[in-house]
Amino acid sequence: MPADTNPYGDIFGGWLMAQMDLAGGTRARQLAGCRVATVAVTGFTFHKPVYVGDEVSCYTALTRIGRTSLTIDVQAWVRRHTSAAVEKVTEGLFVFVAVDLEGRPHPLDLKDVPLDLPASGA
């Protein structure tokens, strides 16, 4: 929406980060089977701008399982509103920690969950 843009019509990076955090958190919650909290975002790179009217899609890949944490690679891709072109615009590593009802770290039992294979090409 226009309210989410800078004066040049580019979507604010913070808005895009929030969408990616939602996507990563949804995946982490599904895997953990409990509440999760974002504790770190690393390796975040903005490759290209996102414009008003672009269709944004976020894709996730589980890259690491810790005792209480999950590291999820999140990529944002857009379908440009002016064409059918699809481009990767942003990527980052999000670390989520499983927490109990009191918000304390909660051990994961994901020994049988395989890590996702890295995306190829594109």
N, C-alpha and C. Protein backbone atom coordinates (compact mmCIF):
# COMPACT_ATOMS: atom_id res chain seq x y z
N MET A 1 0.84 -1.19 0.00
CA MET A 1 0.00 0.00 0.00
C MET A 1 0.89 1.24 0.00
N PRO A 2 0.39 2.35 -0.53
CA PRO A 2 1.18 3.58 -0.58
C PRO A 2 1.69 4.05 0.78
N ALA A 3 0.96 3.77 1.86
CA ALA A 3 1.41 4.19 3.20
C ALA A 3 2.67 3.45 3.64
N ASP A 4 2.99 2.35 2.97
CA ASP A 4 4.17 1.54 3.31
C ASP A 4 5.38 1.88 2.45
N THR A 5 5.35 3.04 1.78
CA THR A 5 6.43 3.37 0.85
C THR A 5 7.18 4.64 1.25
N ASN A 6 8.36 4.76 0.66
CA ASN A 6 9.11 6.00 0.79
C ASN A 6 8.66 6.96 -0.32
N PRO A 7 9.17 8.18 -0.35
CA PRO A 7 8.72 9.14 -1.37
C PRO A 7 8.98 8.71 -2.81
N TYR A 8 9.83 7.71 -3.02
CA TYR A 8 10.14 7.25 -4.37
C TYR A 8 9.30 6.06 -4.82
N GLY A 9 8.41 5.61 -3.96
CA GLY A 9 7.53 4.51 -4.32
C GLY A 9 8.07 3.13 -4.00
N ASP A 10 9.19 3.05 -3.29
CA ASP A 10 9.73 1.75 -2.87
C ASP A 10 9.11 1.37 -1.53
N ILE A 11 8.81 0.08 -1.37
CA ILE A 11 8.27 -0.41 -0.10
C ILE A 11 9.37 -0.33 0.95
N PHE A 12 9.01 0.12 2.16
CA PHE A 12 9.97 0.19 3.26
C PHE A 12 10.54 -1.20 3.57
N GLY A 13 11.85 -1.25 3.82
CA GLY A 13 12.51 -2.51 4.15
C GLY A 13 11.94 -3.13 5.41
N GLY A 14 11.54 -2.30 6.38
CA GLY A 14 10.98 -2.82 7.63
C GLY A 14 9.68 -3.57 7.40
N TRP A 15 8.87 -3.10 6.46
CA TRP A 15 7.62 -3.80 6.14
C TRP A 15 7.93 -5.17 5.57
N LEU A 16 8.91 -5.22 4.67
CA LEU A 16 9.28 -6.49 4.05
C LEU A 16 9.87 -7.45 5.08
N MET A 17 10.70 -6.92 5.98
CA MET A 17 11.26 -7.76 7.05
C MET A 17 10.15 -8.35 7.91
N ALA A 18 9.12 -7.56 8.20
CA ALA A 18 8.01 -8.05 9.02
C ALA A 18 7.28 -9.19 8.33
N GLN A 19 7.07 -9.09 7.02
CA GLN A 19 6.41 -10.16 6.28
C GLN A 19 7.25 -11.43 6.31
N MET A 20 8.56 -11.26 6.18
CA MET A 20 9.46 -12.41 6.21
C MET A 20 9.51 -13.04 7.59
N ASP A 21 9.45 -12.22 8.63
CA ASP A 21 9.42 -12.73 10.01
C ASP A 21 8.14 -13.54 10.24
N LEU A 22 7.03 -13.06 9.70
CA LEU A 22 5.77 -13.80 9.81
C LEU A 22 5.86 -15.16 9.12
N ALA A 23 6.45 -15.18 7.92
CA ALA A 23 6.59 -16.43 7.18
C ALA A 23 7.51 -17.41 7.93
N GLY A 24 8.65 -16.91 8.38
CA GLY A 24 9.58 -17.77 9.11
C GLY A 24 9.00 -18.26 10.43
N GLY A 25 8.31 -17.37 11.13
CA GLY A 25 7.69 -17.73 12.40
C GLY A 25 6.59 -18.77 12.23
N THR A 26 5.85 -18.67 11.15
CA THR A 26 4.80 -19.65 10.87
C THR A 26 5.42 -21.03 10.65
N ARG A 27 6.50 -21.06 9.87
CA ARG A 27 7.20 -22.34 9.62
C ARG A 27 7.79 -22.90 10.91
N ALA A 28 8.44 -22.03 11.69
CA ALA A 28 9.05 -22.48 12.95
C ALA A 28 7.99 -23.02 13.91
N ARG A 29 6.86 -22.36 13.98
CA ARG A 29 5.76 -22.80 14.86
C ARG A 29 5.24 -24.16 14.43
N GLN A 30 5.09 -24.35 13.12
CA GLN A 30 4.62 -25.64 12.61
C GLN A 30 5.58 -26.76 12.98
N LEU A 31 6.88 -26.50 12.83
CA LEU A 31 7.88 -27.52 13.14
C LEU A 31 8.01 -27.78 14.63
N ALA A 32 8.03 -26.71 15.43
CA ALA A 32 8.23 -26.84 16.87
C ALA A 32 7.00 -27.38 17.58
N GLY A 33 5.83 -27.09 17.05
CA GLY A 33 4.60 -27.53 17.70
C GLY A 33 4.29 -26.75 18.96
N CYS A 34 4.90 -25.59 19.10
CA CYS A 34 4.65 -24.73 20.26
C CYS A 34 4.95 -23.28 19.87
N ARG A 35 4.75 -22.41 20.82
CA ARG A 35 5.02 -20.99 20.60
C ARG A 35 6.52 -20.79 20.31
N VAL A 36 6.82 -19.86 19.41
CA VAL A 36 8.21 -19.51 19.12
C VAL A 36 8.36 -18.00 19.18
N ALA A 37 9.59 -17.56 19.41
CA ALA A 37 9.90 -16.13 19.43
C ALA A 37 11.13 -15.89 18.56
N THR A 38 11.12 -14.81 17.81
CA THR A 38 12.28 -14.43 17.01
C THR A 38 13.35 -13.90 17.95
N VAL A 39 14.56 -14.44 17.85
CA VAL A 39 15.66 -13.97 18.71
C VAL A 39 16.80 -13.35 17.93
N ALA A 40 16.86 -13.60 16.62
CA ALA A 40 17.93 -13.01 15.81
C ALA A 40 17.55 -13.03 14.35
N VAL A 41 18.07 -12.05 13.64
CA VAL A 41 17.99 -12.00 12.19
C VAL A 41 19.40 -11.70 11.70
N THR A 42 19.96 -12.59 10.90
CA THR A 42 21.33 -12.41 10.45
C THR A 42 21.41 -12.54 8.94
N GLY A 43 22.48 -12.04 8.38
CA GLY A 43 22.71 -12.19 6.96
C GLY A 43 21.62 -11.63 6.09
N PHE A 44 20.98 -10.56 6.52
CA PHE A 44 19.86 -10.00 5.78
C PHE A 44 20.38 -9.16 4.62
N THR A 45 19.87 -9.43 3.41
CA THR A 45 20.33 -8.71 2.23
C THR A 45 19.14 -8.27 1.39
N PHE A 46 19.14 -6.99 1.04
CA PHE A 46 18.15 -6.46 0.11
C PHE A 46 18.80 -6.44 -1.27
N HIS A 47 18.30 -7.24 -2.19
CA HIS A 47 18.88 -7.32 -3.53
C HIS A 47 18.27 -6.29 -4.48
N LYS A 48 16.94 -6.15 -4.42
CA LYS A 48 16.23 -5.26 -5.34
C LYS A 48 15.06 -4.63 -4.61
N PRO A 49 14.58 -3.48 -5.08
CA PRO A 49 13.44 -2.85 -4.42
C PRO A 49 12.13 -3.58 -4.72
N VAL A 50 11.17 -3.35 -3.84
CA VAL A 50 9.79 -3.81 -4.03
C VAL A 50 8.95 -2.56 -4.24
N TYR A 51 8.08 -2.59 -5.24
CA TYR A 51 7.27 -1.43 -5.58
C TYR A 51 5.80 -1.66 -5.24
N VAL A 52 5.07 -0.59 -5.08
CA VAL A 52 3.62 -0.69 -4.88
C VAL A 52 3.04 -1.47 -6.05
N GLY A 53 2.21 -2.45 -5.75
CA GLY A 53 1.58 -3.26 -6.78
C GLY A 53 2.28 -4.58 -7.04
N ASP A 54 3.54 -4.72 -6.58
CA ASP A 54 4.24 -6.00 -6.74
C ASP A 54 3.59 -7.05 -5.84
N GLU A 55 3.54 -8.27 -6.32
CA GLU A 55 3.03 -9.40 -5.52
C GLU A 55 4.22 -10.03 -4.81
N VAL A 56 4.20 -10.05 -3.48
CA VAL A 56 5.31 -10.57 -2.68
C VAL A 56 4.99 -11.97 -2.18
N SER A 57 5.93 -12.89 -2.35
CA SER A 57 5.82 -14.25 -1.82
C SER A 57 7.07 -14.55 -1.02
N CYS A 58 6.88 -15.20 0.13
CA CYS A 58 8.01 -15.57 0.98
C CYS A 58 8.12 -17.09 1.01
N TYR A 59 9.36 -17.57 0.93
CA TYR A 59 9.65 -19.00 0.94
C TYR A 59 10.64 -19.29 2.06
N THR A 60 10.46 -20.43 2.73
CA THR A 60 11.28 -20.75 3.88
C THR A 60 12.00 -22.08 3.69
N ALA A 61 13.15 -22.20 4.36
CA ALA A 61 13.91 -23.45 4.38
C ALA A 61 14.55 -23.59 5.75
N LEU A 62 14.32 -24.71 6.40
CA LEU A 62 14.95 -25.00 7.69
C LEU A 62 16.42 -25.31 7.46
N THR A 63 17.32 -24.54 8.09
CA THR A 63 18.75 -24.75 7.85
C THR A 63 19.51 -25.26 9.07
N ARG A 64 18.92 -25.13 10.28
CA ARG A 64 19.62 -25.59 11.47
C ARG A 64 18.61 -25.87 12.58
N ILE A 65 18.87 -26.94 13.33
CA ILE A 65 18.06 -27.26 14.50
C ILE A 65 18.98 -27.27 15.70
N GLY A 66 18.68 -26.45 16.71
CA GLY A 66 19.44 -26.43 17.95
C GLY A 66 18.64 -27.10 19.05
N ARG A 67 19.12 -26.99 20.28
CA ARG A 67 18.41 -27.59 21.41
C ARG A 67 17.05 -26.95 21.61
N THR A 68 17.00 -25.62 21.50
CA THR A 68 15.74 -24.89 21.67
C THR A 68 15.43 -24.00 20.46
N SER A 69 16.32 -23.99 19.47
CA SER A 69 16.16 -23.02 18.38
C SER A 69 16.07 -23.66 17.00
N LEU A 70 15.49 -22.90 16.09
CA LEU A 70 15.39 -23.27 14.68
C LEU A 70 15.91 -22.09 13.87
N THR A 71 16.76 -22.36 12.91
CA THR A 71 17.22 -21.32 12.00
C THR A 71 16.54 -21.55 10.66
N ILE A 72 15.86 -20.52 10.20
CA ILE A 72 15.06 -20.59 8.98
C ILE A 72 15.59 -19.57 7.98
N ASP A 73 15.94 -20.04 6.78
CA ASP A 73 16.30 -19.15 5.69
C ASP A 73 14.99 -18.69 5.06
N VAL A 74 14.81 -17.39 4.94
CA VAL A 74 13.59 -16.84 4.34
C VAL A 74 13.99 -15.99 3.14
N GLN A 75 13.34 -16.27 2.02
CA GLN A 75 13.56 -15.48 0.81
C GLN A 75 12.25 -14.82 0.42
N ALA A 76 12.35 -13.58 -0.04
CA ALA A 76 11.19 -12.87 -0.57
C ALA A 76 11.38 -12.71 -2.07
N TRP A 77 10.38 -13.09 -2.81
CA TRP A 77 10.36 -12.98 -4.26
C TRP A 77 9.17 -12.12 -4.66
N VAL A 78 9.28 -11.42 -5.75
CA VAL A 78 8.14 -10.61 -6.24
C VAL A 78 7.81 -10.96 -7.67
N ARG A 79 6.52 -10.84 -7.96
CA ARG A 79 6.05 -10.84 -9.34
C ARG A 79 5.73 -9.38 -9.61
N ARG A 80 6.46 -8.80 -10.54
CA ARG A 80 6.31 -7.37 -10.83
C ARG A 80 4.92 -7.07 -11.39
N HIS A 81 4.36 -5.98 -10.91
CA HIS A 81 3.01 -5.60 -11.36
C HIS A 81 3.00 -5.15 -12.81
N THR A 82 4.15 -4.84 -13.34
CA THR A 82 4.24 -4.36 -14.73
C THR A 82 4.55 -5.47 -15.72
N SER A 83 4.84 -6.68 -15.23
CA SER A 83 5.16 -7.80 -16.12
C SER A 83 4.98 -9.10 -15.36
N ALA A 84 5.29 -10.19 -16.02
CA ALA A 84 5.20 -11.50 -15.37
C ALA A 84 6.54 -11.90 -14.75
N ALA A 85 7.51 -10.98 -14.76
CA ALA A 85 8.84 -11.29 -14.24
C ALA A 85 8.78 -11.61 -12.74
N VAL A 86 9.52 -12.63 -12.34
CA VAL A 86 9.62 -13.02 -10.93
C VAL A 86 11.08 -12.86 -10.53
N GLU A 87 11.33 -12.14 -9.42
CA GLU A 87 12.69 -11.85 -8.98
C GLU A 87 12.83 -12.02 -7.47
N LYS A 88 13.99 -12.56 -7.06
CA LYS A 88 14.30 -12.60 -5.63
C LYS A 88 14.74 -11.20 -5.23
N VAL A 89 14.10 -10.65 -4.19
CA VAL A 89 14.41 -9.28 -3.78
C VAL A 89 15.12 -9.20 -2.44
N THR A 90 14.91 -10.17 -1.58
CA THR A 90 15.47 -10.10 -0.23
C THR A 90 15.63 -11.50 0.34
N GLU A 91 16.64 -11.67 1.20
CA GLU A 91 16.80 -12.94 1.91
C GLU A 91 17.46 -12.69 3.25
N GLY A 92 17.19 -13.57 4.20
CA GLY A 92 17.81 -13.45 5.51
C GLY A 92 17.64 -14.72 6.31
N LEU A 93 18.47 -14.86 7.32
CA LEU A 93 18.38 -15.99 8.24
C LEU A 93 17.70 -15.52 9.52
N PHE A 94 16.65 -16.19 9.89
CA PHE A 94 15.88 -15.87 11.09
C PHE A 94 16.05 -17.00 12.09
N VAL A 95 16.35 -16.65 13.34
CA VAL A 95 16.50 -17.65 14.40
C VAL A 95 15.32 -17.51 15.35
N PHE A 96 14.62 -18.62 15.55
CA PHE A 96 13.47 -18.66 16.44
C PHE A 96 13.76 -19.61 17.59
N VAL A 97 13.28 -19.27 18.78
CA VAL A 97 13.43 -20.13 19.94
C VAL A 97 12.05 -20.59 20.38
N ALA A 98 11.93 -21.89 20.64
CA ALA A 98 10.70 -22.44 21.17
C ALA A 98 10.56 -21.99 22.62
N VAL A 99 9.37 -21.53 23.00
CA VAL A 99 9.16 -21.06 24.37
C VAL A 99 7.92 -21.71 24.96
N ASP A 100 7.92 -21.86 26.30
CA ASP A 100 6.77 -22.42 26.99
C ASP A 100 5.75 -21.32 27.28
N LEU A 101 4.72 -21.64 28.02
CA LEU A 101 3.66 -20.67 28.31
C LEU A 101 4.12 -19.46 29.11
N GLU A 102 5.23 -19.61 29.83
CA GLU A 102 5.80 -18.50 30.59
C GLU A 102 6.85 -17.73 29.80
N GLY A 103 7.09 -18.13 28.54
CA GLY A 103 8.05 -17.44 27.70
C GLY A 103 9.49 -17.89 27.90
N ARG A 104 9.69 -19.00 28.58
CA ARG A 104 11.05 -19.53 28.78
C ARG A 104 11.40 -20.51 27.66
N PRO A 105 12.68 -20.57 27.28
CA PRO A 105 13.08 -21.51 26.23
C PRO A 105 12.63 -22.93 26.55
N HIS A 106 12.20 -23.62 25.52
CA HIS A 106 11.62 -24.96 25.65
C HIS A 106 12.37 -25.91 24.71
N PRO A 107 12.94 -27.01 25.22
CA PRO A 107 13.68 -27.93 24.35
C PRO A 107 12.81 -28.48 23.22
N LEU A 108 13.42 -28.64 22.06
CA LEU A 108 12.74 -29.18 20.89
C LEU A 108 12.98 -30.68 20.81
N ASP A 109 12.05 -31.40 20.22
CA ASP A 109 12.22 -32.82 19.96
C ASP A 109 12.03 -33.03 18.46
N LEU A 110 13.04 -32.63 17.70
CA LEU A 110 12.94 -32.67 16.24
C LEU A 110 14.05 -33.51 15.62
N LYS A 111 14.44 -34.56 16.29
CA LYS A 111 15.55 -35.38 15.80
C LYS A 111 15.26 -36.00 14.43
N ASP A 112 13.99 -36.25 14.12
CA ASP A 112 13.64 -36.90 12.86
C ASP A 112 13.26 -35.93 11.75
N VAL A 113 13.33 -34.62 12.03
CA VAL A 113 12.98 -33.62 11.02
C VAL A 113 14.23 -33.31 10.19
N PRO A 114 14.17 -33.56 8.88
CA PRO A 114 15.35 -33.28 8.06
C PRO A 114 15.48 -31.79 7.77
N LEU A 115 16.73 -31.36 7.59
CA LEU A 115 16.96 -29.99 7.15
C LEU A 115 16.54 -29.91 5.68
N ASP A 116 16.06 -28.72 5.28
CA ASP A 116 15.67 -28.53 3.88
C ASP A 116 16.92 -28.41 3.02
N LEU A 117 16.86 -28.95 1.84
CA LEU A 117 17.97 -28.82 0.90
C LEU A 117 18.00 -27.40 0.39
N PRO A 118 19.18 -26.85 0.15
CA PRO A 118 19.25 -25.48 -0.38
C PRO A 118 18.58 -25.40 -1.74
N ALA A 119 17.94 -24.26 -1.99
CA ALA A 119 17.30 -24.04 -3.28
C ALA A 119 18.37 -23.99 -4.36
N SER A 120 18.05 -24.48 -5.51
CA SER A 120 19.02 -24.44 -6.61
C SER A 120 18.57 -23.46 -7.67
N GLY A 121 19.54 -22.93 -8.39
CA GLY A 121 19.24 -22.05 -9.52
C GLY A 121 18.58 -20.76 -9.10
N ALA A 122 17.68 -20.28 -9.97
CA ALA A 122 16.92 -19.04 -9.80
C ALA A 122 17.85 -17.97 -9.44
